[in-house]
Amino acid sequence: MDRRRRDTKERFIKFTLEKIRSHGEDDTTLRDLAKEFGISAAALYNHFVDKDELLNEVLKVASSKVTTLYREYVSEHGTLKGGKERLIQFGEFLLDLFKTESNLISFLFFSKTAINIYSSVDVFENDQFKLLSIACEIIDSVRIENNLSISNFELYIKFWAFMEGYALFVTSGVFEGNPSFISDIVNDVLCGDAAKAKK
């Protein structure tokens, strides 16, 4: 691919990401994107096979962006050693980000695009999505440190299900976030699963 074409493709990916951040994925059509970007919808197909390919590329860029934000957050708040503490810190980061970047986080974790990609790859063995890799590494360390009998995937699902629901309640104004709530839930999950392991 020549440089000009590659530059256009990269600029369009960044442009699309900004549109998703401001309007969400559902309100983002290829035709509207192309028009706002100043090219024809047909010209987009010189760069992307279809909308799915575009959104897959945007998802990679979004993951990289949020990974950078997470690393900055850890740098500001301190690097924690224990898996449980890191998981709580990761949850607090996601909640903070969800409050300011709900469209971005929804796209990155809960969109049809994300679900299709994450269900088609081994999330615990994938380096294309760095933030997902970090989450999986933290969850694995929690499972090992606490000698849990559940799989990484089960713990991952429990954490994400809680985070999605909690973030939606907080961002919709149903209740105000409580800093200790994430810690309490992580402790409850770990205690419950540790008790199951002893049976």
N, C-alpha and C. Protein backbone atom coordinates (compact mmCIF):
# COMPACT_ATOMS: atom_id res chain seq x y z
N MET A 1 0.85 -1.17 0.00
CA MET A 1 0.00 0.00 0.00
C MET A 1 0.91 1.24 0.00
N ASP A 2 0.63 2.17 -0.88
CA ASP A 2 1.47 3.36 -0.94
C ASP A 2 1.21 4.27 0.26
N ARG A 3 2.16 5.17 0.50
CA ARG A 3 2.12 6.01 1.70
C ARG A 3 0.86 6.88 1.77
N ARG A 4 0.48 7.49 0.66
CA ARG A 4 -0.70 8.37 0.66
C ARG A 4 -1.96 7.59 1.03
N ARG A 5 -2.08 6.43 0.45
CA ARG A 5 -3.24 5.59 0.73
C ARG A 5 -3.25 5.13 2.19
N ARG A 6 -2.07 4.76 2.70
CA ARG A 6 -1.94 4.33 4.09
C ARG A 6 -2.28 5.49 5.03
N ASP A 7 -1.79 6.69 4.71
CA ASP A 7 -2.09 7.88 5.53
C ASP A 7 -3.59 8.15 5.57
N THR A 8 -4.24 8.05 4.40
CA THR A 8 -5.69 8.27 4.34
C THR A 8 -6.41 7.24 5.20
N LYS A 9 -5.99 6.00 5.10
CA LYS A 9 -6.61 4.93 5.88
C LYS A 9 -6.44 5.20 7.38
N GLU A 10 -5.24 5.56 7.80
CA GLU A 10 -4.99 5.85 9.22
C GLU A 10 -5.79 7.06 9.70
N ARG A 11 -5.85 8.09 8.89
CA ARG A 11 -6.63 9.28 9.26
C ARG A 11 -8.11 8.94 9.37
N PHE A 12 -8.60 8.08 8.47
CA PHE A 12 -10.01 7.71 8.51
C PHE A 12 -10.32 6.85 9.74
N ILE A 13 -9.40 6.00 10.13
CA ILE A 13 -9.58 5.20 11.35
C ILE A 13 -9.66 6.13 12.56
N LYS A 14 -8.76 7.09 12.65
CA LYS A 14 -8.79 8.04 13.77
C LYS A 14 -10.05 8.89 13.74
N PHE A 15 -10.46 9.31 12.56
CA PHE A 15 -11.68 10.09 12.39
C PHE A 15 -12.89 9.29 12.88
N THR A 16 -12.95 8.03 12.50
CA THR A 16 -14.05 7.15 12.90
C THR A 16 -14.07 6.97 14.41
N LEU A 17 -12.89 6.78 14.99
CA LEU A 17 -12.81 6.64 16.45
C LEU A 17 -13.36 7.88 17.14
N GLU A 18 -13.02 9.05 16.65
CA GLU A 18 -13.53 10.29 17.26
C GLU A 18 -15.05 10.38 17.13
N LYS A 19 -15.59 9.94 16.00
CA LYS A 19 -17.05 9.95 15.83
C LYS A 19 -17.71 8.97 16.80
N ILE A 20 -17.11 7.82 16.98
CA ILE A 20 -17.66 6.84 17.93
C ILE A 20 -17.58 7.40 19.35
N ARG A 21 -16.48 8.05 19.68
CA ARG A 21 -16.35 8.65 21.02
C ARG A 21 -17.44 9.69 21.27
N SER A 22 -17.78 10.45 20.27
CA SER A 22 -18.75 11.52 20.48
C SER A 22 -20.20 11.08 20.27
N HIS A 23 -20.45 10.09 19.39
CA HIS A 23 -21.83 9.72 19.05
C HIS A 23 -22.17 8.26 19.32
N GLY A 24 -21.19 7.43 19.56
CA GLY A 24 -21.44 6.00 19.73
C GLY A 24 -21.39 5.26 18.42
N GLU A 25 -21.25 3.95 18.50
CA GLU A 25 -21.11 3.12 17.29
C GLU A 25 -22.41 3.05 16.50
N ASP A 26 -23.54 2.97 17.18
CA ASP A 26 -24.82 2.79 16.49
C ASP A 26 -25.16 3.94 15.55
N ASP A 27 -24.71 5.14 15.89
CA ASP A 27 -25.01 6.31 15.06
C ASP A 27 -23.91 6.60 14.04
N THR A 28 -23.09 5.61 13.77
CA THR A 28 -21.95 5.79 12.87
C THR A 28 -22.14 4.93 11.63
N THR A 29 -22.55 5.55 10.52
CA THR A 29 -22.71 4.81 9.26
C THR A 29 -21.54 5.14 8.33
N LEU A 30 -21.20 4.22 7.47
CA LEU A 30 -20.11 4.44 6.52
C LEU A 30 -20.40 5.63 5.61
N ARG A 31 -21.61 5.71 5.15
CA ARG A 31 -21.97 6.81 4.24
C ARG A 31 -21.78 8.16 4.92
N ASP A 32 -22.27 8.29 6.17
CA ASP A 32 -22.11 9.56 6.90
C ASP A 32 -20.64 9.86 7.20
N LEU A 33 -19.91 8.83 7.58
CA LEU A 33 -18.49 9.01 7.86
C LEU A 33 -17.75 9.51 6.62
N ALA A 34 -17.99 8.85 5.51
CA ALA A 34 -17.32 9.23 4.26
C ALA A 34 -17.66 10.66 3.89
N LYS A 35 -18.93 11.01 3.98
CA LYS A 35 -19.36 12.37 3.62
C LYS A 35 -18.66 13.41 4.50
N GLU A 36 -18.66 13.18 5.82
CA GLU A 36 -18.02 14.13 6.74
C GLU A 36 -16.50 14.19 6.52
N PHE A 37 -15.93 13.06 6.13
CA PHE A 37 -14.48 13.00 5.91
C PHE A 37 -14.10 13.65 4.58
N GLY A 38 -15.09 13.75 3.67
CA GLY A 38 -14.85 14.41 2.39
C GLY A 38 -14.50 13.47 1.25
N ILE A 39 -14.92 12.22 1.37
CA ILE A 39 -14.72 11.26 0.28
C ILE A 39 -16.04 10.54 0.03
N SER A 40 -16.11 9.85 -1.08
CA SER A 40 -17.33 9.10 -1.39
C SER A 40 -17.32 7.79 -0.61
N ALA A 41 -18.51 7.26 -0.39
CA ALA A 41 -18.62 5.97 0.29
C ALA A 41 -17.91 4.89 -0.53
N ALA A 42 -18.00 4.98 -1.84
CA ALA A 42 -17.33 4.01 -2.70
C ALA A 42 -15.81 4.05 -2.53
N ALA A 43 -15.27 5.25 -2.30
CA ALA A 43 -13.82 5.38 -2.11
C ALA A 43 -13.35 4.67 -0.84
N LEU A 44 -14.23 4.54 0.14
CA LEU A 44 -13.85 3.83 1.36
C LEU A 44 -13.47 2.38 1.08
N TYR A 45 -14.12 1.81 0.08
CA TYR A 45 -13.85 0.41 -0.23
C TYR A 45 -12.48 0.20 -0.87
N ASN A 46 -11.78 1.27 -1.18
CA ASN A 46 -10.38 1.17 -1.58
C ASN A 46 -9.49 0.91 -0.37
N HIS A 47 -10.03 1.18 0.82
CA HIS A 47 -9.25 1.05 2.05
C HIS A 47 -9.75 -0.08 2.96
N PHE A 48 -11.05 -0.35 2.91
CA PHE A 48 -11.65 -1.35 3.80
C PHE A 48 -12.62 -2.21 2.99
N VAL A 49 -12.60 -3.50 3.27
CA VAL A 49 -13.50 -4.43 2.58
C VAL A 49 -14.95 -4.10 2.91
N ASP A 50 -15.20 -3.79 4.19
CA ASP A 50 -16.56 -3.48 4.64
C ASP A 50 -16.49 -2.75 5.98
N LYS A 51 -17.64 -2.44 6.54
CA LYS A 51 -17.69 -1.71 7.81
C LYS A 51 -17.05 -2.52 8.93
N ASP A 52 -17.23 -3.84 8.90
CA ASP A 52 -16.63 -4.68 9.94
C ASP A 52 -15.12 -4.54 9.97
N GLU A 53 -14.49 -4.53 8.80
CA GLU A 53 -13.04 -4.38 8.77
C GLU A 53 -12.62 -3.02 9.34
N LEU A 54 -13.34 -1.97 8.96
CA LEU A 54 -13.06 -0.64 9.50
C LEU A 54 -13.19 -0.65 11.02
N LEU A 55 -14.29 -1.17 11.53
CA LEU A 55 -14.50 -1.15 12.98
C LEU A 55 -13.50 -2.03 13.72
N ASN A 56 -13.05 -3.13 13.10
CA ASN A 56 -12.00 -3.95 13.71
C ASN A 56 -10.72 -3.14 13.87
N GLU A 57 -10.38 -2.37 12.85
CA GLU A 57 -9.18 -1.52 12.91
C GLU A 57 -9.37 -0.41 13.95
N VAL A 58 -10.54 0.15 14.01
CA VAL A 58 -10.83 1.21 14.99
C VAL A 58 -10.74 0.63 16.40
N LEU A 59 -11.22 -0.60 16.58
CA LEU A 59 -11.17 -1.24 17.89
C LEU A 59 -9.73 -1.41 18.36
N LYS A 60 -8.84 -1.77 17.45
CA LYS A 60 -7.41 -1.91 17.81
C LYS A 60 -6.84 -0.57 18.26
N VAL A 61 -7.16 0.49 17.55
CA VAL A 61 -6.67 1.82 17.91
C VAL A 61 -7.27 2.25 19.26
N ALA A 62 -8.55 1.99 19.46
CA ALA A 62 -9.21 2.33 20.72
C ALA A 62 -8.56 1.58 21.88
N SER A 63 -8.27 0.31 21.68
CA SER A 63 -7.62 -0.49 22.72
C SER A 63 -6.26 0.08 23.06
N SER A 64 -5.52 0.46 22.06
CA SER A 64 -4.20 1.05 22.28
C SER A 64 -4.32 2.37 23.05
N LYS A 65 -5.29 3.18 22.68
CA LYS A 65 -5.50 4.48 23.34
C LYS A 65 -5.86 4.28 24.81
N VAL A 66 -6.78 3.38 25.10
CA VAL A 66 -7.20 3.16 26.47
C VAL A 66 -6.08 2.48 27.27
N THR A 67 -5.29 1.65 26.64
CA THR A 67 -4.13 1.06 27.31
C THR A 67 -3.16 2.15 27.76
N THR A 68 -2.92 3.12 26.90
CA THR A 68 -2.06 4.26 27.26
C THR A 68 -2.65 5.02 28.44
N LEU A 69 -3.95 5.27 28.40
CA LEU A 69 -4.62 5.96 29.51
C LEU A 69 -4.51 5.15 30.81
N TYR A 70 -4.63 3.83 30.71
CA TYR A 70 -4.51 2.98 31.89
C TYR A 70 -3.10 3.05 32.47
N ARG A 71 -2.11 3.00 31.61
CA ARG A 71 -0.72 3.08 32.09
C ARG A 71 -0.45 4.43 32.76
N GLU A 72 -1.01 5.49 32.22
CA GLU A 72 -0.89 6.81 32.85
C GLU A 72 -1.58 6.82 34.21
N TYR A 73 -2.75 6.20 34.28
CA TYR A 73 -3.51 6.12 35.54
C TYR A 73 -2.69 5.38 36.60
N VAL A 74 -2.11 4.26 36.24
CA VAL A 74 -1.30 3.47 37.17
C VAL A 74 -0.08 4.28 37.60
N SER A 75 0.52 4.99 36.66
CA SER A 75 1.67 5.83 36.98
C SER A 75 1.30 6.91 38.00
N GLU A 76 0.14 7.51 37.84
CA GLU A 76 -0.32 8.56 38.76
C GLU A 76 -0.74 8.01 40.12
N HIS A 77 -1.35 6.81 40.13
CA HIS A 77 -1.91 6.26 41.36
C HIS A 77 -1.00 5.24 42.03
N GLY A 78 0.09 4.89 41.38
CA GLY A 78 1.02 3.92 41.95
C GLY A 78 0.77 2.52 41.43
N THR A 79 1.84 1.79 41.26
CA THR A 79 1.77 0.41 40.80
C THR A 79 1.55 -0.49 42.00
N LEU A 80 0.49 -1.25 41.97
CA LEU A 80 0.17 -2.15 43.07
C LEU A 80 0.72 -3.54 42.76
N LYS A 81 1.06 -4.28 43.80
CA LYS A 81 1.69 -5.59 43.60
C LYS A 81 0.71 -6.75 43.55
N GLY A 82 -0.25 -6.79 44.46
CA GLY A 82 -1.15 -7.92 44.53
C GLY A 82 -2.18 -7.92 43.41
N GLY A 83 -2.55 -9.12 42.97
CA GLY A 83 -3.53 -9.25 41.90
C GLY A 83 -4.88 -8.65 42.27
N LYS A 84 -5.34 -8.91 43.49
CA LYS A 84 -6.63 -8.38 43.92
C LYS A 84 -6.61 -6.84 43.92
N GLU A 85 -5.54 -6.27 44.45
CA GLU A 85 -5.42 -4.81 44.49
C GLU A 85 -5.36 -4.23 43.08
N ARG A 86 -4.65 -4.91 42.20
CA ARG A 86 -4.56 -4.46 40.81
C ARG A 86 -5.92 -4.55 40.12
N LEU A 87 -6.69 -5.60 40.42
CA LEU A 87 -8.02 -5.76 39.83
C LEU A 87 -8.95 -4.64 40.31
N ILE A 88 -8.88 -4.32 41.57
CA ILE A 88 -9.70 -3.22 42.11
C ILE A 88 -9.29 -1.91 41.44
N GLN A 89 -7.99 -1.67 41.33
CA GLN A 89 -7.50 -0.45 40.69
C GLN A 89 -7.94 -0.40 39.23
N PHE A 90 -7.89 -1.53 38.55
CA PHE A 90 -8.31 -1.61 37.15
C PHE A 90 -9.81 -1.28 37.05
N GLY A 91 -10.60 -1.81 37.95
CA GLY A 91 -12.04 -1.51 37.98
C GLY A 91 -12.30 -0.03 38.22
N GLU A 92 -11.54 0.56 39.14
CA GLU A 92 -11.70 2.00 39.42
C GLU A 92 -11.34 2.83 38.19
N PHE A 93 -10.27 2.43 37.50
CA PHE A 93 -9.88 3.11 36.26
C PHE A 93 -11.00 3.04 35.23
N LEU A 94 -11.55 1.84 35.02
CA LEU A 94 -12.61 1.67 34.03
C LEU A 94 -13.84 2.50 34.39
N LEU A 95 -14.19 2.52 35.67
CA LEU A 95 -15.34 3.31 36.08
C LEU A 95 -15.10 4.79 35.85
N ASP A 96 -13.92 5.28 36.21
CA ASP A 96 -13.58 6.69 35.96
C ASP A 96 -13.67 7.00 34.47
N LEU A 97 -13.12 6.11 33.65
CA LEU A 97 -13.13 6.33 32.21
C LEU A 97 -14.55 6.23 31.65
N PHE A 98 -15.34 5.32 32.18
CA PHE A 98 -16.71 5.16 31.72
C PHE A 98 -17.51 6.44 31.96
N LYS A 99 -17.20 7.14 33.06
CA LYS A 99 -17.90 8.38 33.37
C LYS A 99 -17.63 9.46 32.33
N THR A 100 -16.41 9.49 31.78
CA THR A 100 -16.04 10.55 30.84
C THR A 100 -16.03 10.09 29.39
N GLU A 101 -15.90 8.80 29.17
CA GLU A 101 -15.78 8.25 27.81
C GLU A 101 -16.69 7.04 27.63
N SER A 102 -17.97 7.20 27.96
CA SER A 102 -18.87 6.04 27.94
C SER A 102 -19.00 5.43 26.55
N ASN A 103 -19.04 6.24 25.50
CA ASN A 103 -19.14 5.69 24.14
C ASN A 103 -17.89 4.88 23.78
N LEU A 104 -16.74 5.39 24.17
CA LEU A 104 -15.48 4.69 23.87
C LEU A 104 -15.43 3.35 24.61
N ILE A 105 -15.74 3.36 25.89
CA ILE A 105 -15.70 2.12 26.67
C ILE A 105 -16.78 1.15 26.19
N SER A 106 -17.96 1.65 25.89
CA SER A 106 -19.01 0.77 25.35
C SER A 106 -18.55 0.12 24.05
N PHE A 107 -17.95 0.91 23.18
CA PHE A 107 -17.46 0.37 21.91
C PHE A 107 -16.36 -0.66 22.15
N LEU A 108 -15.45 -0.34 23.05
CA LEU A 108 -14.28 -1.20 23.27
C LEU A 108 -14.64 -2.53 23.92
N PHE A 109 -15.64 -2.54 24.79
CA PHE A 109 -15.93 -3.77 25.53
C PHE A 109 -17.29 -4.39 25.25
N PHE A 110 -18.28 -3.60 24.89
CA PHE A 110 -19.63 -4.14 24.85
C PHE A 110 -20.30 -4.05 23.49
N SER A 111 -19.60 -3.52 22.49
CA SER A 111 -20.21 -3.37 21.16
C SER A 111 -20.27 -4.71 20.43
N LYS A 112 -21.10 -4.76 19.42
CA LYS A 112 -21.20 -5.96 18.57
C LYS A 112 -19.83 -6.27 17.97
N THR A 113 -19.12 -5.24 17.54
CA THR A 113 -17.78 -5.43 16.97
C THR A 113 -16.86 -6.08 17.98
N ALA A 114 -16.82 -5.55 19.18
CA ALA A 114 -15.94 -6.08 20.22
C ALA A 114 -16.31 -7.53 20.56
N ILE A 115 -17.59 -7.77 20.74
CA ILE A 115 -18.04 -9.12 21.10
C ILE A 115 -17.68 -10.11 20.00
N ASN A 116 -17.87 -9.73 18.74
CA ASN A 116 -17.51 -10.63 17.63
C ASN A 116 -16.03 -10.94 17.62
N ILE A 117 -15.21 -9.92 17.82
CA ILE A 117 -13.76 -10.14 17.81
C ILE A 117 -13.32 -10.95 19.02
N TYR A 118 -13.76 -10.53 20.20
CA TYR A 118 -13.31 -11.20 21.41
C TYR A 118 -13.80 -12.64 21.49
N SER A 119 -14.93 -12.94 20.87
CA SER A 119 -15.42 -14.32 20.89
C SER A 119 -14.73 -15.18 19.83
N SER A 120 -14.04 -14.54 18.89
CA SER A 120 -13.38 -15.31 17.84
C SER A 120 -11.89 -15.51 18.09
N VAL A 121 -11.37 -14.90 19.16
CA VAL A 121 -9.95 -15.07 19.49
C VAL A 121 -9.85 -15.54 20.92
N ASP A 122 -8.72 -16.13 21.26
CA ASP A 122 -8.46 -16.51 22.64
C ASP A 122 -8.05 -15.25 23.39
N VAL A 123 -8.96 -14.71 24.20
CA VAL A 123 -8.69 -13.43 24.86
C VAL A 123 -7.48 -13.51 25.79
N PHE A 124 -7.14 -14.70 26.23
CA PHE A 124 -6.00 -14.84 27.13
C PHE A 124 -4.69 -15.03 26.38
N GLU A 125 -4.74 -15.08 25.08
CA GLU A 125 -3.54 -15.28 24.27
C GLU A 125 -3.41 -14.25 23.16
N ASN A 126 -4.07 -13.10 23.28
CA ASN A 126 -4.11 -12.15 22.18
C ASN A 126 -3.40 -10.86 22.55
N ASP A 127 -2.39 -10.48 21.76
CA ASP A 127 -1.65 -9.25 22.01
C ASP A 127 -2.13 -8.08 21.17
N GLN A 128 -3.07 -8.29 20.27
CA GLN A 128 -3.57 -7.18 19.44
C GLN A 128 -4.37 -6.19 20.26
N PHE A 129 -4.96 -6.65 21.32
CA PHE A 129 -5.78 -5.82 22.18
C PHE A 129 -5.12 -5.77 23.56
N LYS A 130 -4.19 -4.84 23.71
CA LYS A 130 -3.33 -4.77 24.89
C LYS A 130 -4.11 -4.65 26.20
N LEU A 131 -5.15 -3.82 26.21
CA LEU A 131 -5.91 -3.64 27.44
C LEU A 131 -6.57 -4.94 27.85
N LEU A 132 -7.08 -5.67 26.91
CA LEU A 132 -7.68 -6.98 27.18
C LEU A 132 -6.62 -7.93 27.74
N SER A 133 -5.42 -7.88 27.17
CA SER A 133 -4.32 -8.72 27.66
C SER A 133 -3.97 -8.37 29.09
N ILE A 134 -3.94 -7.07 29.40
CA ILE A 134 -3.65 -6.63 30.77
C ILE A 134 -4.73 -7.14 31.72
N ALA A 135 -6.00 -6.99 31.33
CA ALA A 135 -7.10 -7.46 32.17
C ALA A 135 -6.98 -8.96 32.42
N CYS A 136 -6.67 -9.71 31.39
CA CYS A 136 -6.55 -11.17 31.52
C CYS A 136 -5.39 -11.55 32.43
N GLU A 137 -4.29 -10.82 32.31
CA GLU A 137 -3.12 -11.09 33.17
C GLU A 137 -3.45 -10.80 34.63
N ILE A 138 -4.15 -9.71 34.88
CA ILE A 138 -4.54 -9.37 36.26
C ILE A 138 -5.48 -10.44 36.81
N ILE A 139 -6.45 -10.83 36.03
CA ILE A 139 -7.42 -11.84 36.47
C ILE A 139 -6.74 -13.17 36.74
N ASP A 140 -5.78 -13.55 35.90
CA ASP A 140 -5.03 -14.78 36.12
C ASP A 140 -4.25 -14.71 37.43
N SER A 141 -3.63 -13.56 37.71
CA SER A 141 -2.87 -13.43 38.96
C SER A 141 -3.79 -13.50 40.17
N VAL A 142 -5.00 -12.93 40.07
CA VAL A 142 -5.97 -13.01 41.16
C VAL A 142 -6.35 -14.47 41.41
N ARG A 143 -6.62 -15.18 40.35
CA ARG A 143 -7.03 -16.59 40.47
C ARG A 143 -5.94 -17.42 41.12
N ILE A 144 -4.69 -17.21 40.70
CA ILE A 144 -3.57 -17.98 41.23
C ILE A 144 -3.31 -17.60 42.69
N GLU A 145 -3.23 -16.29 42.98
CA GLU A 145 -2.94 -15.83 44.35
C GLU A 145 -3.99 -16.30 45.36
N ASN A 146 -5.22 -16.42 44.92
CA ASN A 146 -6.30 -16.80 45.82
C ASN A 146 -6.66 -18.27 45.71
N ASN A 147 -5.87 -19.01 44.94
CA ASN A 147 -6.06 -20.45 44.79
C ASN A 147 -7.51 -20.80 44.45
N LEU A 148 -8.05 -20.09 43.45
CA LEU A 148 -9.44 -20.29 43.06
C LEU A 148 -9.55 -21.46 42.10
N SER A 149 -10.63 -22.19 42.25
CA SER A 149 -10.84 -23.35 41.38
C SER A 149 -11.54 -22.98 40.07
N ILE A 150 -12.06 -21.77 39.98
CA ILE A 150 -12.73 -21.37 38.75
C ILE A 150 -11.69 -21.02 37.68
N SER A 151 -12.11 -21.06 36.46
CA SER A 151 -11.20 -20.76 35.36
C SER A 151 -10.99 -19.25 35.22
N ASN A 152 -9.93 -18.89 34.51
CA ASN A 152 -9.70 -17.48 34.19
C ASN A 152 -10.93 -16.89 33.51
N PHE A 153 -11.49 -17.65 32.58
CA PHE A 153 -12.62 -17.15 31.80
C PHE A 153 -13.82 -16.88 32.70
N GLU A 154 -14.11 -17.78 33.66
CA GLU A 154 -15.25 -17.56 34.56
C GLU A 154 -15.04 -16.31 35.42
N LEU A 155 -13.82 -16.12 35.93
CA LEU A 155 -13.54 -14.95 36.74
C LEU A 155 -13.61 -13.68 35.89
N TYR A 156 -13.12 -13.78 34.68
CA TYR A 156 -13.18 -12.67 33.73
C TYR A 156 -14.63 -12.26 33.47
N ILE A 157 -15.50 -13.24 33.23
CA ILE A 157 -16.92 -12.97 32.97
C ILE A 157 -17.58 -12.33 34.19
N LYS A 158 -17.29 -12.83 35.37
CA LYS A 158 -17.87 -12.25 36.59
C LYS A 158 -17.45 -10.79 36.74
N PHE A 159 -16.18 -10.51 36.53
CA PHE A 159 -15.68 -9.15 36.68
C PHE A 159 -16.31 -8.22 35.65
N TRP A 160 -16.32 -8.65 34.36
CA TRP A 160 -16.87 -7.78 33.32
C TRP A 160 -18.37 -7.58 33.47
N ALA A 161 -19.07 -8.61 33.86
CA ALA A 161 -20.52 -8.48 34.06
C ALA A 161 -20.81 -7.45 35.15
N PHE A 162 -20.08 -7.55 36.25
CA PHE A 162 -20.25 -6.58 37.33
C PHE A 162 -19.89 -5.18 36.85
N MET A 163 -18.74 -5.02 36.20
CA MET A 163 -18.28 -3.68 35.78
C MET A 163 -19.26 -3.03 34.82
N GLU A 164 -19.78 -3.81 33.88
CA GLU A 164 -20.73 -3.23 32.93
C GLU A 164 -21.99 -2.74 33.64
N GLY A 165 -22.55 -3.58 34.48
CA GLY A 165 -23.76 -3.19 35.20
C GLY A 165 -23.52 -2.01 36.12
N TYR A 166 -22.43 -2.06 36.87
CA TYR A 166 -22.12 -0.98 37.81
C TYR A 166 -21.90 0.33 37.07
N ALA A 167 -21.12 0.29 36.00
CA ALA A 167 -20.85 1.50 35.22
C ALA A 167 -22.13 2.09 34.64
N LEU A 168 -23.02 1.24 34.16
CA LEU A 168 -24.29 1.75 33.61
C LEU A 168 -25.14 2.42 34.68
N PHE A 169 -25.18 1.84 35.89
CA PHE A 169 -25.93 2.46 36.98
C PHE A 169 -25.35 3.81 37.35
N VAL A 170 -24.03 3.89 37.44
CA VAL A 170 -23.38 5.14 37.84
C VAL A 170 -23.53 6.20 36.75
N THR A 171 -23.26 5.84 35.49
CA THR A 171 -23.31 6.84 34.42
C THR A 171 -24.73 7.28 34.10
N SER A 172 -25.72 6.44 34.38
CA SER A 172 -27.11 6.84 34.13
C SER A 172 -27.69 7.63 35.30
N GLY A 173 -26.92 7.76 36.37
CA GLY A 173 -27.37 8.54 37.52
C GLY A 173 -28.26 7.79 38.48
N VAL A 174 -28.38 6.48 38.33
CA VAL A 174 -29.21 5.70 39.25
C VAL A 174 -28.64 5.82 40.67
N PHE A 175 -27.34 5.76 40.80
CA PHE A 175 -26.68 6.06 42.07
C PHE A 175 -25.28 6.56 41.79
N GLU A 176 -24.75 7.24 42.80
CA GLU A 176 -23.41 7.79 42.67
C GLU A 176 -22.40 6.70 43.01
N GLY A 177 -21.31 6.67 42.30
CA GLY A 177 -20.30 5.66 42.56
C GLY A 177 -19.73 5.76 43.96
N ASN A 178 -19.49 4.62 44.56
CA ASN A 178 -18.90 4.55 45.88
C ASN A 178 -17.52 3.91 45.72
N PRO A 179 -16.46 4.61 46.13
CA PRO A 179 -15.11 4.09 45.92
C PRO A 179 -14.87 2.70 46.51
N SER A 180 -15.57 2.36 47.60
CA SER A 180 -15.34 1.05 48.21
C SER A 180 -16.17 -0.06 47.58
N PHE A 181 -17.12 0.29 46.72
CA PHE A 181 -18.03 -0.71 46.17
C PHE A 181 -17.29 -1.74 45.31
N ILE A 182 -16.38 -1.29 44.47
CA ILE A 182 -15.63 -2.23 43.62
C ILE A 182 -14.83 -3.18 44.50
N SER A 183 -14.17 -2.63 45.50
CA SER A 183 -13.39 -3.46 46.43
C SER A 183 -14.28 -4.48 47.14
N ASP A 184 -15.44 -4.04 47.60
CA ASP A 184 -16.37 -4.94 48.30
C ASP A 184 -16.81 -6.09 47.39
N ILE A 185 -17.15 -5.76 46.15
CA ILE A 185 -17.62 -6.80 45.22
C ILE A 185 -16.49 -7.78 44.88
N VAL A 186 -15.30 -7.26 44.62
CA VAL A 186 -14.16 -8.15 44.34
C VAL A 186 -13.93 -9.07 45.53
N ASN A 187 -13.95 -8.53 46.74
CA ASN A 187 -13.78 -9.37 47.93
C ASN A 187 -14.88 -10.40 48.06
N ASP A 188 -16.13 -10.00 47.79
CA ASP A 188 -17.26 -10.94 47.85
C ASP A 188 -17.09 -12.08 46.85
N VAL A 189 -16.70 -11.73 45.63
CA VAL A 189 -16.50 -12.76 44.59
C VAL A 189 -15.38 -13.71 45.01
N LEU A 190 -14.28 -13.14 45.48
CA LEU A 190 -13.14 -13.98 45.87
C LEU A 190 -13.46 -14.84 47.07
N CYS A 191 -14.16 -14.30 48.06
CA CYS A 191 -14.53 -15.08 49.25
C CYS A 191 -15.49 -16.19 48.88
N GLY A 192 -16.47 -15.87 48.04
CA GLY A 192 -17.43 -16.88 47.61
C GLY A 192 -16.78 -18.00 46.83
N ASP A 193 -15.87 -17.65 45.93
CA ASP A 193 -15.22 -18.68 45.14
C ASP A 193 -14.18 -19.45 45.95
N ALA A 194 -13.54 -18.80 46.92
CA ALA A 194 -12.61 -19.49 47.80
C ALA A 194 -13.36 -20.49 48.67
N ALA A 195 -14.55 -20.09 49.15
CA ALA A 195 -15.37 -20.99 49.97
C ALA A 195 -15.81 -22.22 49.16
N LYS A 196 -16.16 -21.98 47.88
CA LYS A 196 -16.55 -23.09 47.00
C LYS A 196 -15.38 -24.04 46.81
N ALA A 197 -14.17 -23.49 46.70
CA ALA A 197 -12.98 -24.30 46.46
C ALA A 197 -12.69 -25.21 47.66
N LYS A 198 -13.05 -24.76 48.86
CA LYS A 198 -12.77 -25.55 50.09
C LYS A 198 -13.74 -26.70 50.26
N LYS A 199 -14.91 -26.62 49.62
CA LYS A 199 -15.94 -27.69 49.76
C LYS A 199 -15.51 -28.96 49.10
